[in-house]
Structures are given as structure tokens and as C-alpha cells.
Amino acid sequence: KEEYTLTGHTSSVTSLAVTSDDRRIVSGSEDRTIKVWNLDTRREELILQGHASSVTGLAVTSDGKHITSSSRDMTIKIWNLDTGKEERTLEGHDESVLALSLTLDGKYIV
């Protein structure tokens, strides 16, 4: 049984991640945005914009402070989860970055 639906992206959702405290969901989309949703209020908290193409993968650090995102624009971005600000862009891929993951200690993106 569906409890509720979070709506807001203007294109297909391609990736999801949940914070370790289970209070927020992060969604990435073909609309090139990342949205942070508060599960208590069921409302959108942040919209992260910066990718030039579809967001393909998401991971949240175990401390809940950062989001990493991959994209068809051949980049990986690191975002501050509290402010929504992009902190760093990793470049160097020759093709789309279709997925990513974090090591358990959060030190490495793979």
C-alpha cells in the first residue's frame, strides 16, 4: 500500500539515497537536479543544481554531511547536505559516470 508520493522532478527519477538517520531521501533525475526530501514533513528541503546532464547516481556519507552525485555530464560532484552548496567537482572521465558508491568510512568515492 502506497503511503504517500513525493512529487517535484520534471523528468524521470534515476537515483535515490537515504540518510543514515532515515530522516531524508535524496533523489536525482534526468531533469539534472537533486532534491532533498524531509520524510517527517514530506516536503522538499533543497534543490541542488549544477550538473549539465542527467543525474545517474547518488550516495550520502555515513555522517550525513555530504552527498556525492554522478552524471552523464562526465562529472562527480560533492555537495554539502546542510546548505545545498556544491563543494567540489571531480572531472576526468571520458564518458558518462553512470554510478558511484562510497567506502564505509566515507573517505573514497568508487
C-alpha atoms as a PDB file:
ATOM      1  CA  LYS A   1       0.000   0.000   0.000  1.00  0.00           C
ATOM      2  CA  GLU A   2       1.361   3.383  -1.028  1.00  0.00           C
ATOM      3  CA  GLU A   3       1.608   5.777   1.910  1.00  0.00           C
ATOM      4  CA  TYR A   4       2.483   8.944   0.002  1.00  0.00           C
ATOM      5  CA  THR A   5       4.199  10.265  -3.102  1.00  0.00           C
ATOM      6  CA  LEU A   6       6.926  12.892  -3.252  1.00  0.00           C
ATOM      7  CA  THR A   7       6.466  14.965  -6.395  1.00  0.00           C
ATOM      8  CA  GLY A   8       8.659  17.675  -7.833  1.00  0.00           C
ATOM      9  CA  HIS A   9      11.030  16.442 -10.526  1.00  0.00           C
ATOM     10  CA  THR A  10      10.112  17.359 -14.092  1.00  0.00           C
ATOM     11  CA  SER A  11      11.586  14.176 -15.585  1.00  0.00           C
ATOM     12  CA  SER A  12      12.318  10.592 -14.582  1.00  0.00           C
ATOM     13  CA  VAL A  13      13.963   9.885 -11.235  1.00  0.00           C
ATOM     14  CA  THR A  14      17.169   7.943 -11.883  1.00  0.00           C
ATOM     15  CA  SER A  15      18.684   7.525  -8.421  1.00  0.00           C
ATOM     16  CA  LEU A  16      17.802   7.549  -4.729  1.00  0.00           C
ATOM     17  CA  ALA A  17      19.695   7.600  -1.451  1.00  0.00           C
ATOM     18  CA  VAL A  18      18.596   7.707   2.189  1.00  0.00           C
ATOM     19  CA  THR A  19      20.450   9.441   5.011  1.00  0.00           C
ATOM     20  CA  SER A  20      21.738   7.201   7.812  1.00  0.00           C
ATOM     21  CA  ASP A  21      19.244   8.711  10.271  1.00  0.00           C
ATOM     22  CA  ASP A  22      16.356   7.757   7.918  1.00  0.00           C
ATOM     23  CA  ARG A  23      15.014  11.321   8.054  1.00  0.00           C
ATOM     24  CA  ARG A  24      15.755  12.395   4.476  1.00  0.00           C
ATOM     25  CA  ILE A  25      15.622  10.941   0.989  1.00  0.00           C
ATOM     26  CA  VAL A  26      17.774  12.334  -1.809  1.00  0.00           C
ATOM     27  CA  SER A  27      16.564  11.916  -5.395  1.00  0.00           C
ATOM     28  CA  GLY A  28      18.393  12.511  -8.667  1.00  0.00           C
ATOM     29  CA  SER A  29      16.701  12.978 -12.006  1.00  0.00           C
ATOM     30  CA  GLU A  30      17.020  13.278 -15.736  1.00  0.00           C
ATOM     31  CA  ASP A  31      15.964  16.903 -15.170  1.00  0.00           C
ATOM     32  CA  ARG A  32      19.581  17.471 -13.941  1.00  0.00           C
ATOM     33  CA  THR A  33      18.533  18.271 -10.372  1.00  0.00           C
ATOM     34  CA  ILE A  34      18.961  16.637  -6.993  1.00  0.00           C
ATOM     35  CA  LYS A  35      16.211  17.083  -4.440  1.00  0.00           C
ATOM     36  CA  VAL A  36      16.438  16.540  -0.701  1.00  0.00           C
ATOM     37  CA  TRP A  37      13.164  15.493   0.921  1.00  0.00           C
ATOM     38  CA  ASN A  38      12.289  15.593   4.616  1.00  0.00           C
ATOM     39  CA  LEU A  39      10.434  12.398   5.496  1.00  0.00           C
ATOM     40  CA  ASP A  40       8.884  13.874   8.646  1.00  0.00           C
ATOM     41  CA  THR A  41       7.229  16.765   6.811  1.00  0.00           C
ATOM     42  CA  ARG A  42       7.101  15.024   3.405  1.00  0.00           C
ATOM     43  CA  ARG A  43       8.360  18.233   1.837  1.00  0.00           C
ATOM     44  CA  GLU A  44      11.241  19.217  -0.396  1.00  0.00           C
ATOM     45  CA  GLU A  45      14.035  20.835   1.642  1.00  0.00           C
ATOM     46  CA  LEU A  46      16.648  21.599  -1.004  1.00  0.00           C
ATOM     47  CA  ILE A  47      17.137  21.616  -4.757  1.00  0.00           C
ATOM     48  CA  LEU A  48      20.736  21.090  -5.847  1.00  0.00           C
ATOM     49  CA  GLN A  49      21.575  22.338  -9.336  1.00  0.00           C
ATOM     50  CA  GLY A  50      24.893  22.137 -11.121  1.00  0.00           C
ATOM     51  CA  HIS A  51      25.005  19.074 -13.350  1.00  0.00           C
ATOM     52  CA  ALA A  52      24.823  19.755 -17.096  1.00  0.00           C
ATOM     53  CA  SER A  53      23.087  16.430 -17.798  1.00  0.00           C
ATOM     54  CA  SER A  54      21.089  13.675 -16.068  1.00  0.00           C
ATOM     55  CA  VAL A  55      21.990  12.707 -12.524  1.00  0.00           C
ATOM     56  CA  THR A  56      22.771   8.975 -12.591  1.00  0.00           C
ATOM     57  CA  GLY A  57      23.920   8.068  -9.090  1.00  0.00           C
ATOM     58  CA  LEU A  58      23.790   9.299  -5.501  1.00  0.00           C
ATOM     59  CA  ALA A  59      25.409   8.402  -2.201  1.00  0.00           C
ATOM     60  CA  VAL A  60      25.187  10.053   1.208  1.00  0.00           C
ATOM     61  CA  THR A  61      28.143   9.960   3.592  1.00  0.00           C
ATOM     62  CA  SER A  62      27.554   7.977   6.776  1.00  0.00           C
ATOM     63  CA  ASP A  63      27.808  11.146   8.883  1.00  0.00           C
ATOM     64  CA  GLY A  64      25.008  12.683   6.794  1.00  0.00           C
ATOM     65  CA  LYS A  65      27.017  15.785   5.956  1.00  0.00           C
ATOM     66  CA  HIS A  66      27.628  15.304   2.228  1.00  0.00           C
ATOM     67  CA  ILE A  67      26.007  13.962  -0.921  1.00  0.00           C
ATOM     68  CA  THR A  68      28.006  12.691  -3.865  1.00  0.00           C
ATOM     69  CA  SER A  69      26.404  12.604  -7.292  1.00  0.00           C
ATOM     70  CA  SER A  70      27.371  11.210 -10.678  1.00  0.00           C
ATOM     71  CA  SER A  71      26.090  12.390 -14.027  1.00  0.00           C
ATOM     72  CA  ARG A  72      26.013  11.857 -17.744  1.00  0.00           C
ATOM     73  CA  ASP A  73      27.968  15.143 -17.914  1.00  0.00           C
ATOM     74  CA  MET A  74      31.090  13.072 -17.059  1.00  0.00           C
ATOM     75  CA  THR A  75      31.481  14.556 -13.560  1.00  0.00           C
ATOM     76  CA  ILE A  76      31.070  13.631  -9.921  1.00  0.00           C
ATOM     77  CA  LYS A  77      30.022  16.394  -7.544  1.00  0.00           C
ATOM     78  CA  ILE A  78      30.267  16.680  -3.780  1.00  0.00           C
ATOM     79  CA  TRP A  79      27.532  18.694  -2.060  1.00  0.00           C
ATOM     80  CA  ASN A  80      27.036  19.975   1.471  1.00  0.00           C
ATOM     81  CA  LEU A  81      23.788  18.406   2.678  1.00  0.00           C
ATOM     82  CA  ASP A  82      23.022  21.185   5.174  1.00  0.00           C
ATOM     83  CA  THR A  83      23.496  24.145   2.843  1.00  0.00           C
ATOM     84  CA  GLY A  84      22.906  22.537  -0.564  1.00  0.00           C
ATOM     85  CA  LYS A  85      26.093  24.135  -1.863  1.00  0.00           C
ATOM     86  CA  GLU A  86      28.334  22.360  -4.339  1.00  0.00           C
ATOM     87  CA  GLU A  87      31.733  21.941  -2.681  1.00  0.00           C
ATOM     88  CA  ARG A  88      33.723  20.208  -5.380  1.00  0.00           C
ATOM     89  CA  THR A  89      33.518  18.843  -8.920  1.00  0.00           C
ATOM     90  CA  LEU A  90      35.634  15.863  -9.945  1.00  0.00           C
ATOM     91  CA  GLU A  91      36.414  15.772 -13.659  1.00  0.00           C
ATOM     92  CA  GLY A  92      38.429  13.467 -15.854  1.00  0.00           C
ATOM     93  CA  HIS A  93      36.052  10.810 -17.192  1.00  0.00           C
ATOM     94  CA  ASP A  94      35.792  10.433 -20.958  1.00  0.00           C
ATOM     95  CA  GLU A  95      32.216   9.131 -20.826  1.00  0.00           C
ATOM     96  CA  SER A  96      29.133   9.409 -18.642  1.00  0.00           C
ATOM     97  CA  VAL A  97      29.528   8.422 -14.992  1.00  0.00           C
ATOM     98  CA  LEU A  98      26.628   6.019 -14.531  1.00  0.00           C
ATOM     99  CA  ALA A  99      27.016   5.048 -10.867  1.00  0.00           C
ATOM    100  CA  LEU A 100      29.039   5.669  -7.744  1.00  0.00           C
ATOM    101  CA  SER A 101      29.449   4.396  -4.223  1.00  0.00           C
ATOM    102  CA  LEU A 102      31.281   5.431  -1.076  1.00  0.00           C
ATOM    103  CA  THR A 103      33.600   3.361   1.064  1.00  0.00           C
ATOM    104  CA  LEU A 104      32.188   2.687   4.531  1.00  0.00           C
ATOM    105  CA  ASP A 105      34.426   5.280   6.137  1.00  0.00           C
ATOM    106  CA  GLY A 106      33.298   7.862   3.541  1.00  0.00           C
ATOM    107  CA  LYS A 107      36.844   8.707   2.513  1.00  0.00           C
ATOM    108  CA  TYR A 108      36.700   7.387  -1.055  1.00  0.00           C
ATOM    109  CA  ILE A 109      34.272   7.580  -3.936  1.00  0.00           C
ATOM    110  CA  VAL A 110      34.306   4.474  -6.131  1.00  0.00           C
END
